[in-house]
Structures are given as structure tokens and as C-alpha cells.
């Protein structure tokens, strides 16, 4: 397992420095409040990061999942 796999380009996050590796993206997700982290988009992003770290999914899929979670619209 390699959580140190880098993204092709740094991934801008909602706060802090951009994520350069799977580990940094995963740490960002872990820092979210539990209610937000439990949203389907964040659960999918966390799973695709883990799958990419284990070479079961491409890095691009992990990036796309993170992008979707970062830009998700919260219904009012």
C-alpha cells in the first residue's frame, strides 16, 4: 500500500495547502466534522483514495472523487 502516491497536479482543498499525495487528501477527509465526512461523496472519495493506495483504482478516479466531494452542493 502506498499512501505516498502523488496526484499528477496538487489538488486544491477547501482550506489549507493543496493535497499532493493520497495521504494528504485522506488526512483532509479525516479532519472534516463527522457529519460532513459521512456524506456519500466523502465516503466515496475516502474509498477511492484507499483503492488507489492499494493499486485497485487509478489515481485519476481518486482525483475525480475528491473533486466531486469538494464541489458537492448541499441541499437546503
PDB file of N, CA and C in Angstrom:
ATOM      1  N   UNK A   1       0.843  -1.174   0.000  1.00  0.00           N
ATOM      2  CA  UNK A   1       0.000   0.000   0.000  1.00  0.00           C
ATOM      3  C   UNK A   1       0.888   1.237   0.000  1.00  0.00           C
ATOM      4  N   UNK A   2       0.561   2.185  -0.880  1.00  0.00           N
ATOM      5  CA  UNK A   2       1.373   3.392  -0.933  1.00  0.00           C
ATOM      6  C   UNK A   2       0.503   4.646  -0.880  1.00  0.00           C
ATOM      7  N   UNK A   3       0.345   5.147   0.321  1.00  0.00           N
ATOM      8  CA  UNK A   3      -0.409   6.384   0.521  1.00  0.00           C
ATOM      9  C   UNK A   3       0.400   7.595   0.068  1.00  0.00           C
ATOM     10  N   UNK A   4       1.663   7.389  -0.291  1.00  0.00           N
ATOM     11  CA  UNK A   4       2.514   8.493  -0.728  1.00  0.00           C
ATOM     12  C   UNK A   4       2.468   8.698  -2.245  1.00  0.00           C
ATOM     13  N   UNK A   5       1.583   7.988  -2.940  1.00  0.00           N
ATOM     14  CA  UNK A   5       1.439   8.196  -4.391  1.00  0.00           C
ATOM     15  C   UNK A   5       0.979   9.624  -4.645  1.00  0.00           C
ATOM     16  N   UNK A   6       1.660  10.331  -5.536  1.00  0.00           N
ATOM     17  CA  UNK A   6       1.283  11.731  -5.795  1.00  0.00           C
ATOM     18  C   UNK A   6       0.202  11.857  -6.873  1.00  0.00           C
ATOM     19  N   UNK A   7      -0.589  12.901  -6.734  1.00  0.00           N
ATOM     20  CA  UNK A   7      -1.517  13.281  -7.796  1.00  0.00           C
ATOM     21  C   UNK A   7      -0.684  13.907  -8.917  1.00  0.00           C
ATOM     22  N   UNK A   8      -1.188  13.879 -10.145  1.00  0.00           N
ATOM     23  CA  UNK A   8      -0.474  14.486 -11.273  1.00  0.00           C
ATOM     24  C   UNK A   8      -0.279  15.980 -11.037  1.00  0.00           C
ATOM     25  N   UNK A   9      -1.287  16.619 -10.444  1.00  0.00           N
ATOM     26  CA  UNK A   9      -1.209  18.021 -10.051  1.00  0.00           C
ATOM     27  C   UNK A   9      -1.775  18.132  -8.648  1.00  0.00           C
ATOM     28  N   UNK A  10      -1.250  19.059  -7.844  1.00  0.00           N
ATOM     29  CA  UNK A  10      -1.798  19.222  -6.490  1.00  0.00           C
ATOM     30  C   UNK A  10      -3.309  19.471  -6.546  1.00  0.00           C
ATOM     31  N   UNK A  11      -4.007  18.919  -5.580  1.00  0.00           N
ATOM     32  CA  UNK A  11      -5.458  19.002  -5.521  1.00  0.00           C
ATOM     33  C   UNK A  11      -5.873  20.094  -4.535  1.00  0.00           C
ATOM     34  N   UNK A  12      -6.437  21.207  -5.028  1.00  0.00           N
ATOM     35  CA  UNK A  12      -6.860  22.273  -4.112  1.00  0.00           C
ATOM     36  C   UNK A  12      -7.927  21.762  -3.148  1.00  0.00           C
ATOM     37  N   UNK A  13      -7.774  22.089  -1.880  1.00  0.00           N
ATOM     38  CA  UNK A  13      -8.723  21.677  -0.853  1.00  0.00           C
ATOM     39  C   UNK A  13      -9.542  22.881  -0.402  1.00  0.00           C
ATOM     40  N   UNK A  14     -10.505  22.651   0.459  1.00  0.00           N
ATOM     41  CA  UNK A  14     -11.357  23.737   0.942  1.00  0.00           C
ATOM     42  C   UNK A  14     -10.599  24.696   1.849  1.00  0.00           C
ATOM     43  N   UNK A  15      -9.569  24.191   2.503  1.00  0.00           N
ATOM     44  CA  UNK A  15      -8.738  25.013   3.378  1.00  0.00           C
ATOM     45  C   UNK A  15      -7.350  24.387   3.447  1.00  0.00           C
ATOM     46  N   UNK A  16      -6.374  25.201   3.762  1.00  0.00           N
ATOM     47  CA  UNK A  16      -5.013  24.690   3.880  1.00  0.00           C
ATOM     48  C   UNK A  16      -4.337  24.521   2.526  1.00  0.00           C
ATOM     49  N   UNK A  17      -3.189  23.871   2.577  1.00  0.00           N
ATOM     50  CA  UNK A  17      -2.406  23.645   1.364  1.00  0.00           C
ATOM     51  C   UNK A  17      -3.066  22.577   0.487  1.00  0.00           C
ATOM     52  N   UNK A  18      -2.815  22.628  -0.809  1.00  0.00           N
ATOM     53  CA  UNK A  18      -3.343  21.589  -1.697  1.00  0.00           C
ATOM     54  C   UNK A  18      -2.763  20.214  -1.336  1.00  0.00           C
ATOM     55  N   UNK A  19      -3.546  19.178  -1.603  1.00  0.00           N
ATOM     56  CA  UNK A  19      -3.090  17.806  -1.364  1.00  0.00           C
ATOM     57  C   UNK A  19      -2.210  17.380  -2.529  1.00  0.00           C
ATOM     58  N   UNK A  20      -1.009  16.934  -2.233  1.00  0.00           N
ATOM     59  CA  UNK A  20      -0.095  16.456  -3.272  1.00  0.00           C
ATOM     60  C   UNK A  20      -0.099  14.928  -3.355  1.00  0.00           C
ATOM     61  N   UNK A  21      -0.510  14.267  -2.272  1.00  0.00           N
ATOM     62  CA  UNK A  21      -0.485  12.801  -2.229  1.00  0.00           C
ATOM     63  C   UNK A  21      -1.828  12.255  -1.733  1.00  0.00           C
ATOM     64  N   UNK A  22      -2.004  10.958  -1.906  1.00  0.00           N
ATOM     65  CA  UNK A  22      -3.191  10.294  -1.374  1.00  0.00           C
ATOM     66  C   UNK A  22      -3.288  10.505   0.140  1.00  0.00           C
ATOM     67  N   UNK A  23      -2.170  10.421   0.833  1.00  0.00           N
ATOM     68  CA  UNK A  23      -2.151  10.587   2.291  1.00  0.00           C
ATOM     69  C   UNK A  23      -2.662  11.971   2.696  1.00  0.00           C
ATOM     70  N   UNK A  24      -2.222  13.003   2.003  1.00  0.00           N
ATOM     71  CA  UNK A  24      -2.653  14.360   2.337  1.00  0.00           C
ATOM     72  C   UNK A  24      -4.152  14.528   2.092  1.00  0.00           C
ATOM     73  N   UNK A  25      -4.662  13.949   1.009  1.00  0.00           N
ATOM     74  CA  UNK A  25      -6.100  14.011   0.738  1.00  0.00           C
ATOM     75  C   UNK A  25      -6.876  13.239   1.803  1.00  0.00           C
ATOM     76  N   UNK A  26      -6.379  12.075   2.184  1.00  0.00           N
ATOM     77  CA  UNK A  26      -7.033  11.269   3.214  1.00  0.00           C
ATOM     78  C   UNK A  26      -7.022  11.999   4.558  1.00  0.00           C
ATOM     79  N   UNK A  27      -5.909  12.626   4.887  1.00  0.00           N
ATOM     80  CA  UNK A  27      -5.844  13.385   6.145  1.00  0.00           C
ATOM     81  C   UNK A  27      -6.842  14.531   6.143  1.00  0.00           C
ATOM     82  N   UNK A  28      -7.040  15.159   4.982  1.00  0.00           N
ATOM     83  CA  UNK A  28      -8.030  16.226   4.884  1.00  0.00           C
ATOM     84  C   UNK A  28      -9.416  15.680   5.188  1.00  0.00           C
ATOM     85  N   UNK A  29      -9.769  14.550   4.576  1.00  0.00           N
ATOM     86  CA  UNK A  29     -11.086  13.954   4.828  1.00  0.00           C
ATOM     87  C   UNK A  29     -11.246  13.628   6.304  1.00  0.00           C
ATOM     88  N   UNK A  30     -10.220  13.065   6.913  1.00  0.00           N
ATOM     89  CA  UNK A  30     -10.288  12.723   8.338  1.00  0.00           C
ATOM     90  C   UNK A  30     -10.446  13.949   9.230  1.00  0.00           C
ATOM     91  N   UNK A  31     -10.046  15.121   8.734  1.00  0.00           N
ATOM     92  CA  UNK A  31     -10.152  16.339   9.536  1.00  0.00           C
ATOM     93  C   UNK A  31     -11.542  16.974   9.475  1.00  0.00           C
ATOM     94  N   UNK A  32     -12.379  16.482   8.569  1.00  0.00           N
ATOM     95  CA  UNK A  32     -13.725  17.041   8.437  1.00  0.00           C
ATOM     96  C   UNK A  32     -14.588  16.635   9.627  1.00  0.00           C
ATOM     97  N   UNK A  33     -15.577  17.460   9.975  1.00  0.00           N
ATOM     98  CA  UNK A  33     -16.528  17.058  11.017  1.00  0.00           C
ATOM     99  C   UNK A  33     -17.235  15.766  10.596  1.00  0.00           C
ATOM    100  N   UNK A  34     -17.579  14.941  11.570  1.00  0.00           N
ATOM    101  CA  UNK A  34     -18.158  13.623  11.291  1.00  0.00           C
ATOM    102  C   UNK A  34     -19.379  13.692  10.389  1.00  0.00           C
ATOM    103  N   UNK A  35     -20.268  14.654  10.609  1.00  0.00           N
ATOM    104  CA  UNK A  35     -21.475  14.734   9.779  1.00  0.00           C
ATOM    105  C   UNK A  35     -21.136  14.992   8.316  1.00  0.00           C
ATOM    106  N   UNK A  36     -20.154  15.833   8.071  1.00  0.00           N
ATOM    107  CA  UNK A  36     -19.753  16.119   6.695  1.00  0.00           C
ATOM    108  C   UNK A  36     -19.015  14.931   6.097  1.00  0.00           C
ATOM    109  N   UNK A  37     -18.111  14.356   6.872  1.00  0.00           N
ATOM    110  CA  UNK A  37     -17.303  13.221   6.419  1.00  0.00           C
ATOM    111  C   UNK A  37     -18.175  12.021   6.060  1.00  0.00           C
ATOM    112  N   UNK A  38     -19.343  11.909   6.707  1.00  0.00           N
ATOM    113  CA  UNK A  38     -20.235  10.781   6.447  1.00  0.00           C
ATOM    114  C   UNK A  38     -21.123  10.965   5.219  1.00  0.00           C
ATOM    115  N   UNK A  39     -21.020  12.105   4.553  1.00  0.00           N
ATOM    116  CA  UNK A  39     -21.796  12.324   3.327  1.00  0.00           C
ATOM    117  C   UNK A  39     -21.334  11.324   2.266  1.00  0.00           C
ATOM    118  N   UNK A  40     -22.247  10.866   1.420  1.00  0.00           N
ATOM    119  CA  UNK A  40     -21.886   9.862   0.406  1.00  0.00           C
ATOM    120  C   UNK A  40     -20.687  10.253  -0.453  1.00  0.00           C
ATOM    121  N   UNK A  41     -20.584  11.539  -0.813  1.00  0.00           N
ATOM    122  CA  UNK A  41     -19.463  11.967  -1.662  1.00  0.00           C
ATOM    123  C   UNK A  41     -18.124  11.787  -0.960  1.00  0.00           C
ATOM    124  N   UNK A  42     -18.074  12.092   0.333  1.00  0.00           N
ATOM    125  CA  UNK A  42     -16.817  11.958   1.073  1.00  0.00           C
ATOM    126  C   UNK A  42     -16.493  10.495   1.351  1.00  0.00           C
ATOM    127  N   UNK A  43     -17.530   9.681   1.601  1.00  0.00           N
ATOM    128  CA  UNK A  43     -17.273   8.248   1.794  1.00  0.00           C
ATOM    129  C   UNK A  43     -16.716   7.637   0.521  1.00  0.00           C
ATOM    130  N   UNK A  44     -17.279   8.025  -0.631  1.00  0.00           N
ATOM    131  CA  UNK A  44     -16.768   7.521  -1.911  1.00  0.00           C
ATOM    132  C   UNK A  44     -15.338   7.993  -2.143  1.00  0.00           C
ATOM    133  N   UNK A  45     -15.067   9.262  -1.856  1.00  0.00           N
ATOM    134  CA  UNK A  45     -13.706   9.784  -2.033  1.00  0.00           C
ATOM    135  C   UNK A  45     -12.718   9.015  -1.159  1.00  0.00           C
ATOM    136  N   UNK A  46     -13.081   8.782   0.105  1.00  0.00           N
ATOM    137  CA  UNK A  46     -12.188   8.040   1.005  1.00  0.00           C
ATOM    138  C   UNK A  46     -11.932   6.630   0.475  1.00  0.00           C
ATOM    139  N   UNK A  47     -12.981   5.984  -0.045  1.00  0.00           N
ATOM    140  CA  UNK A  47     -12.819   4.626  -0.563  1.00  0.00           C
ATOM    141  C   UNK A  47     -11.931   4.603  -1.808  1.00  0.00           C
ATOM    142  N   UNK A  48     -12.110   5.561  -2.703  1.00  0.00           N
ATOM    143  CA  UNK A  48     -11.290   5.561  -3.916  1.00  0.00           C
ATOM    144  C   UNK A  48      -9.838   5.918  -3.602  1.00  0.00           C
ATOM    145  N   UNK A  49      -9.616   6.739  -2.579  1.00  0.00           N
ATOM    146  CA  UNK A  49      -8.232   7.007  -2.156  1.00  0.00           C
ATOM    147  C   UNK A  49      -7.582   5.719  -1.666  1.00  0.00           C
ATOM    148  N   UNK A  50      -8.301   4.970  -0.827  1.00  0.00           N
ATOM    149  CA  UNK A  50      -7.762   3.704  -0.314  1.00  0.00           C
ATOM    150  C   UNK A  50      -7.521   2.714  -1.457  1.00  0.00           C
ATOM    151  N   UNK A  51      -8.465   2.656  -2.393  1.00  0.00           N
ATOM    152  CA  UNK A  51      -8.297   1.742  -3.529  1.00  0.00           C
ATOM    153  C   UNK A  51      -7.092   2.137  -4.385  1.00  0.00           C
ATOM    154  N   UNK A  52      -6.891   3.432  -4.584  1.00  0.00           N
ATOM    155  CA  UNK A  52      -5.731   3.885  -5.354  1.00  0.00           C
ATOM    156  C   UNK A  52      -4.431   3.571  -4.615  1.00  0.00           C
ATOM    157  N   UNK A  53      -4.445   3.714  -3.294  1.00  0.00           N
ATOM    158  CA  UNK A  53      -3.250   3.401  -2.497  1.00  0.00           C
ATOM    159  C   UNK A  53      -2.894   1.918  -2.611  1.00  0.00           C
ATOM    160  N   UNK A  54      -3.916   1.076  -2.804  1.00  0.00           N
ATOM    161  CA  UNK A  54      -3.692  -0.368  -2.928  1.00  0.00           C
ATOM    162  C   UNK A  54      -3.616  -0.820  -4.387  1.00  0.00           C
ATOM    163  N   UNK A  55      -3.501   0.137  -5.320  1.00  0.00           N
ATOM    164  CA  UNK A  55      -3.413  -0.157  -6.757  1.00  0.00           C
ATOM    165  C   UNK A  55      -4.631  -0.895  -7.305  1.00  0.00           C
ATOM    166  N   UNK A  56      -5.795  -0.674  -6.690  1.00  0.00           N
ATOM    167  CA  UNK A  56      -7.025  -1.287  -7.196  1.00  0.00           C
ATOM    168  C   UNK A  56      -7.817  -0.312  -8.060  1.00  0.00           C
ATOM    169  N   UNK A  57      -7.494   0.965  -7.977  1.00  0.00           N
ATOM    170  CA  UNK A  57      -8.151   2.002  -8.771  1.00  0.00           C
ATOM    171  C   UNK A  57      -7.085   2.959  -9.281  1.00  0.00           C
ATOM    172  N   UNK A  58      -7.336   3.593 -10.434  1.00  0.00           N
ATOM    173  CA  UNK A  58      -6.367   4.574 -10.939  1.00  0.00           C
ATOM    174  C   UNK A  58      -6.399   5.864 -10.118  1.00  0.00           C
ATOM    175  N   UNK A  59      -5.295   6.565 -10.113  1.00  0.00           N
ATOM    176  CA  UNK A  59      -5.201   7.843  -9.413  1.00  0.00           C
ATOM    177  C   UNK A  59      -6.239   8.829  -9.946  1.00  0.00           C
ATOM    178  N   UNK A  60      -6.521   8.771 -11.230  1.00  0.00           N
ATOM    179  CA  UNK A  60      -7.484   9.690 -11.814  1.00  0.00           C
ATOM    180  C   UNK A  60      -8.857   9.535 -11.162  1.00  0.00           C
ATOM    181  N   UNK A  61      -9.263   8.312 -10.872  1.00  0.00           N
ATOM    182  CA  UNK A  61     -10.549   8.098 -10.225  1.00  0.00           C
ATOM    183  C   UNK A  61     -10.553   8.693  -8.811  1.00  0.00           C
ATOM    184  N   UNK A  62      -9.451   8.560  -8.101  1.00  0.00           N
ATOM    185  CA  UNK A  62      -9.343   9.167  -6.771  1.00  0.00           C
ATOM    186  C   UNK A  62      -9.461  10.681  -6.871  1.00  0.00           C
ATOM    187  N   UNK A  63      -8.817  11.259  -7.864  1.00  0.00           N
ATOM    188  CA  UNK A  63      -8.888  12.713  -8.048  1.00  0.00           C
ATOM    189  C   UNK A  63     -10.308  13.153  -8.387  1.00  0.00           C
ATOM    190  N   UNK A  64     -10.960  12.439  -9.289  1.00  0.00           N
ATOM    191  CA  UNK A  64     -12.327  12.783  -9.674  1.00  0.00           C
ATOM    192  C   UNK A  64     -13.265  12.690  -8.469  1.00  0.00           C
ATOM    193  N   UNK A  65     -13.107  11.656  -7.675  1.00  0.00           N
ATOM    194  CA  UNK A  65     -13.949  11.506  -6.483  1.00  0.00           C
ATOM    195  C   UNK A  65     -13.720  12.640  -5.495  1.00  0.00           C
ATOM    196  N   UNK A  66     -12.482  13.043  -5.325  1.00  0.00           N
ATOM    197  CA  UNK A  66     -12.184  14.175  -4.446  1.00  0.00           C
ATOM    198  C   UNK A  66     -12.789  15.452  -5.012  1.00  0.00           C
ATOM    199  N   UNK A  67     -12.639  15.672  -6.314  1.00  0.00           N
ATOM    200  CA  UNK A  67     -13.212  16.862  -6.944  1.00  0.00           C
ATOM    201  C   UNK A  67     -14.722  16.925  -6.730  1.00  0.00           C
ATOM    202  N   UNK A  68     -15.396  15.811  -6.913  1.00  0.00           N
ATOM    203  CA  UNK A  68     -16.858  15.770  -6.720  1.00  0.00           C
ATOM    204  C   UNK A  68     -17.226  16.089  -5.285  1.00  0.00           C
ATOM    205  N   UNK A  69     -16.496  15.520  -4.335  1.00  0.00           N
ATOM    206  CA  UNK A  69     -16.801  15.782  -2.921  1.00  0.00           C
ATOM    207  C   UNK A  69     -16.534  17.246  -2.568  1.00  0.00           C
ATOM    208  N   UNK A  70     -15.468  17.795  -3.096  1.00  0.00           N
ATOM    209  CA  UNK A  70     -15.117  19.186  -2.804  1.00  0.00           C
ATOM    210  C   UNK A  70     -16.115  20.175  -3.381  1.00  0.00           C
ATOM    211  N   UNK A  71     -16.788  19.805  -4.459  1.00  0.00           N
ATOM    212  CA  UNK A  71     -17.713  20.728  -5.114  1.00  0.00           C
ATOM    213  C   UNK A  71     -19.167  20.349  -4.928  1.00  0.00           C
ATOM    214  N   UNK A  72     -19.436  19.407  -4.035  1.00  0.00           N
ATOM    215  CA  UNK A  72     -20.818  18.939  -3.859  1.00  0.00           C
ATOM    216  C   UNK A  72     -21.714  20.076  -3.403  1.00  0.00           C
ATOM    217  N   UNK A  73     -22.941  19.996  -3.837  1.00  0.00           N
ATOM    218  CA  UNK A  73     -23.936  21.001  -3.464  1.00  0.00           C
ATOM    219  C   UNK A  73     -24.759  20.433  -2.302  1.00  0.00           C
ATOM    220  N   UNK A  74     -24.897  21.199  -1.268  1.00  0.00           N
ATOM    221  CA  UNK A  74     -25.695  20.788  -0.116  1.00  0.00           C
ATOM    222  C   UNK A  74     -27.110  21.321  -0.321  1.00  0.00           C
ATOM    223  N   UNK A  75     -28.074  20.425  -0.297  1.00  0.00           N
ATOM    224  CA  UNK A  75     -29.478  20.848  -0.471  1.00  0.00           C
ATOM    225  C   UNK A  75     -29.937  21.602   0.776  1.00  0.00           C
ATOM    226  N   UNK A  76     -30.689  22.650   0.566  1.00  0.00           N
ATOM    227  CA  UNK A  76     -31.184  23.447   1.688  1.00  0.00           C
ATOM    228  C   UNK A  76     -32.537  22.978   2.127  1.00  0.00           C
TER     229      UNK A  76
END
